[in-house]
Amino acid sequence: MSKYISIFFLGALVSFLLFFIFGSVFMDGGNPAEEAVYTFGTIIVLFLSFIISQMCYLIDLIKKKR
């Protein structure tokens, strides 16, 4: 189980790093709608990393049952 938790946190860490790297380039502080899009984008990336870790868990579970 710790393998899947580490996959989730690795995906989340990479997404946050990319968000701050690209966010510093794009965010000027002038447009709140643009910052809201970046915030929702980060939330979507977190959910996707959770889904990817759950898919890895399900694939391993199916492999073990065979």
Protein backbone atom coordinates (compact mmCIF):
# COMPACT_ATOMS: atom_id res chain seq x y z
CA MET A 1 0.00 0.00 0.00
CA SER A 2 2.87 2.37 0.69
CA LYS A 3 3.95 1.96 -2.93
CA TYR A 4 0.69 3.50 -4.13
CA ILE A 5 0.78 6.27 -1.57
CA SER A 6 4.28 7.15 -2.73
CA ILE A 7 3.08 7.16 -6.37
CA PHE A 8 0.35 9.62 -5.38
CA PHE A 9 2.70 11.92 -3.48
CA LEU A 10 5.31 11.77 -6.23
CA GLY A 11 2.71 12.82 -8.79
CA ALA A 12 1.45 15.58 -6.51
CA LEU A 13 4.99 16.83 -5.82
CA VAL A 14 5.84 16.95 -9.51
CA SER A 15 2.61 18.78 -10.29
CA PHE A 16 3.27 21.37 -7.57
CA LEU A 17 6.82 21.90 -8.76
CA LEU A 18 5.66 22.39 -12.33
CA PHE A 19 2.86 24.67 -11.13
CA PHE A 20 5.28 26.94 -9.29
CA ILE A 21 7.84 26.91 -12.08
CA PHE A 22 5.30 27.78 -14.78
CA GLY A 23 3.17 29.85 -12.41
CA SER A 24 6.00 32.26 -11.77
CA VAL A 25 6.27 32.78 -15.52
CA PHE A 26 2.56 33.27 -16.18
CA MET A 27 1.19 34.91 -12.99
CA ASP A 28 1.52 38.66 -12.92
CA GLY A 29 -0.99 39.22 -10.14
CA GLY A 30 -3.21 41.31 -12.37
CA ASN A 31 -5.88 38.88 -13.49
CA PRO A 32 -7.76 36.97 -10.76
CA ALA A 33 -9.62 34.83 -13.32
CA GLU A 34 -6.33 33.53 -14.66
CA GLU A 35 -5.13 32.65 -11.17
CA ALA A 36 -8.43 30.83 -10.56
CA VAL A 37 -7.83 28.76 -13.68
CA TYR A 38 -4.38 27.83 -12.37
CA THR A 39 -5.86 26.90 -8.99
CA PHE A 40 -8.50 24.66 -10.54
CA GLY A 41 -5.84 23.20 -12.82
CA THR A 42 -3.77 22.25 -9.79
CA ILE A 43 -6.77 20.63 -8.14
CA ILE A 44 -7.49 18.64 -11.30
CA VAL A 45 -3.87 17.48 -11.47
CA LEU A 46 -4.10 16.29 -7.85
CA PHE A 47 -7.23 14.31 -8.60
CA LEU A 48 -5.62 12.81 -11.69
CA SER A 49 -2.55 11.74 -9.72
CA PHE A 50 -4.90 10.07 -7.23
CA ILE A 51 -6.68 8.27 -10.06
CA ILE A 52 -3.36 7.12 -11.55
CA SER A 53 -2.24 5.70 -8.21
CA GLN A 54 -5.58 3.90 -7.82
CA MET A 55 -5.27 2.46 -11.33
CA CYS A 56 -1.80 1.12 -10.49
CA TYR A 57 -3.30 -0.49 -7.38
CA LEU A 58 -6.11 -2.09 -9.38
CA ILE A 59 -3.72 -3.40 -12.04
CA ASP A 60 -1.54 -5.03 -9.38
CA LEU A 61 -4.61 -6.43 -7.66
CA ILE A 62 -5.82 -8.01 -10.90
CA LYS A 63 -2.36 -9.43 -11.61
CA LYS A 64 -2.23 -11.05 -8.16
CA LYS A 65 -5.60 -12.75 -8.62
CA ARG A 66 -4.47 -14.52 -11.78
